[in-house]
C-alpha atoms as a PDB file:
ATOM      1  CA  UNK A   1     -24.213 106.914-103.436  1.00  0.00           C
ATOM      2  CA  UNK A   2     -22.789 105.427-106.629  1.00  0.00           C
ATOM      3  CA  UNK A   3     -22.695 101.694-107.337  1.00  0.00           C
ATOM      4  CA  UNK A   4     -19.615 102.149-109.503  1.00  0.00           C
ATOM      5  CA  UNK A   5     -16.854  99.798-108.375  1.00  0.00           C
ATOM      6  CA  UNK A   6     -19.135  98.110-105.824  1.00  0.00           C
ATOM      7  CA  UNK A   7     -18.360  94.365-105.700  1.00  0.00           C
ATOM      8  CA  UNK A   8     -19.252  93.306-102.157  1.00  0.00           C
ATOM      9  CA  UNK A   9     -21.480  90.268-102.179  1.00  0.00           C
ATOM     10  CA  UNK A  10     -20.687  89.332-105.787  1.00  0.00           C
ATOM     11  CA  UNK A  11     -19.081  86.036-106.700  1.00  0.00           C
ATOM     12  CA  UNK A  12     -16.122  85.839-109.014  1.00  0.00           C
ATOM     13  CA  UNK A  13     -16.707  84.195-112.364  1.00  0.00           C
ATOM     14  CA  UNK A  14     -15.323  80.668-112.730  1.00  0.00           C
ATOM     15  CA  UNK A  15     -11.829  80.240-114.084  1.00  0.00           C
ATOM     16  CA  UNK A  16     -12.318  79.128-117.698  1.00  0.00           C
ATOM     17  CA  UNK A  17      -8.795  77.710-117.918  1.00  0.00           C
ATOM     18  CA  UNK A  18      -9.664  75.165-115.214  1.00  0.00           C
ATOM     19  CA  UNK A  19     -12.088  73.011-117.164  1.00  0.00           C
ATOM     20  CA  UNK A  20     -12.666  69.646-115.580  1.00  0.00           C
ATOM     21  CA  UNK A  21     -15.120  66.925-116.499  1.00  0.00           C
ATOM     22  CA  UNK A  22     -17.018  67.132-113.187  1.00  0.00           C
ATOM     23  CA  UNK A  23     -18.903  70.300-114.091  1.00  0.00           C
ATOM     24  CA  UNK A  24     -22.539  70.722-113.109  1.00  0.00           C
ATOM     25  CA  UNK A  25     -23.885  70.958-116.646  1.00  0.00           C
ATOM     26  CA  UNK A  26     -26.851  68.810-117.591  1.00  0.00           C
ATOM     27  CA  UNK A  27     -28.217  67.967-121.005  1.00  0.00           C
ATOM     28  CA  UNK A  28     -31.613  69.334-121.937  1.00  0.00           C
ATOM     29  CA  UNK A  29     -34.363  66.907-121.021  1.00  0.00           C
ATOM     30  CA  UNK A  30     -32.270  65.072-118.431  1.00  0.00           C
ATOM     31  CA  UNK A  31     -34.412  63.936-115.519  1.00  0.00           C
ATOM     32  CA  UNK A  32     -32.973  64.197-112.032  1.00  0.00           C
ATOM     33  CA  UNK A  33     -34.777  62.846-108.972  1.00  0.00           C
ATOM     34  CA  UNK A  34     -34.300  64.566-105.624  1.00  0.00           C
ATOM     35  CA  UNK A  35     -36.558  62.278-103.595  1.00  0.00           C
ATOM     36  CA  UNK A  36     -33.852  61.635-101.019  1.00  0.00           C
ATOM     37  CA  UNK A  37     -33.999  65.332-100.047  1.00  0.00           C
ATOM     38  CA  UNK A  38     -37.582  65.002 -98.895  1.00  0.00           C
ATOM     39  CA  UNK A  39     -40.769  66.808 -99.879  1.00  0.00           C
ATOM     40  CA  UNK A  40     -40.971  70.430-100.951  1.00  0.00           C
ATOM     41  CA  UNK A  41     -42.801  72.572 -98.397  1.00  0.00           C
ATOM     42  CA  UNK A  42     -44.656  75.679 -99.567  1.00  0.00           C
ATOM     43  CA  UNK A  43     -44.450  78.187 -96.718  1.00  0.00           C
ATOM     44  CA  UNK A  44     -47.224  80.680 -95.934  1.00  0.00           C
ATOM     45  CA  UNK A  45     -45.194  83.502 -97.540  1.00  0.00           C
ATOM     46  CA  UNK A  46     -44.837  81.537-100.793  1.00  0.00           C
ATOM     47  CA  UNK A  47     -41.233  80.482-100.325  1.00  0.00           C
ATOM     48  CA  UNK A  48     -40.244  76.849-100.788  1.00  0.00           C
ATOM     49  CA  UNK A  49     -38.133  74.800 -98.402  1.00  0.00           C
ATOM     50  CA  UNK A  50     -37.368  71.208 -97.493  1.00  0.00           C
ATOM     51  CA  UNK A  51     -37.483  69.319 -94.198  1.00  0.00           C
ATOM     52  CA  UNK A  52     -33.949  69.413 -92.785  1.00  0.00           C
ATOM     53  CA  UNK A  53     -34.020  66.099 -90.904  1.00  0.00           C
ATOM     54  CA  UNK A  54     -35.791  64.075 -93.621  1.00  0.00           C
ATOM     55  CA  UNK A  55     -33.008  61.500 -93.986  1.00  0.00           C
ATOM     56  CA  UNK A  56     -32.933  60.750 -90.263  1.00  0.00           C
ATOM     57  CA  UNK A  57     -36.723  60.240 -89.969  1.00  0.00           C
ATOM     58  CA  UNK A  58     -38.227  56.775 -89.630  1.00  0.00           C
ATOM     59  CA  UNK A  59     -40.593  55.497 -92.334  1.00  0.00           C
ATOM     60  CA  UNK A  60     -43.590  56.132 -90.068  1.00  0.00           C
ATOM     61  CA  UNK A  61     -42.458  59.728 -89.443  1.00  0.00           C
ATOM     62  CA  UNK A  62     -41.934  60.277 -93.165  1.00  0.00           C
ATOM     63  CA  UNK A  63     -45.407  58.942 -93.904  1.00  0.00           C
ATOM     64  CA  UNK A  64     -47.066  61.268 -91.372  1.00  0.00           C
ATOM     65  CA  UNK A  65     -44.988  64.213 -92.558  1.00  0.00           C
ATOM     66  CA  UNK A  66     -45.946  63.571 -96.197  1.00  0.00           C
ATOM     67  CA  UNK A  67     -49.622  63.509 -95.224  1.00  0.00           C
ATOM     68  CA  UNK A  68     -49.349  66.841 -93.354  1.00  0.00           C
ATOM     69  CA  UNK A  69     -47.196  68.548 -96.001  1.00  0.00           C
ATOM     70  CA  UNK A  70     -49.431  67.300 -98.800  1.00  0.00           C
ATOM     71  CA  UNK A  71     -52.510  68.785 -97.124  1.00  0.00           C
ATOM     72  CA  UNK A  72     -50.703  72.020 -96.285  1.00  0.00           C
ATOM     73  CA  UNK A  73     -49.343  72.501 -99.805  1.00  0.00           C
ATOM     74  CA  UNK A  74     -52.847  72.430-101.334  1.00  0.00           C
END
């Protein structure tokens, strides 16, 4: 089976003629905090994920979750 001409699953490149100022480019060295997304969780298979309901958790739930995730990520 040849891969020639196979494009399923590929994304089209962005249209260069449509340049707007709201692009997602960041300057080198720019710091960006993602604390509102919750802690990073290292899964047993090595993949990384986040807690989906982090924003809806109470402060007490977040505190307990941070303690468990921190111990698990060691």
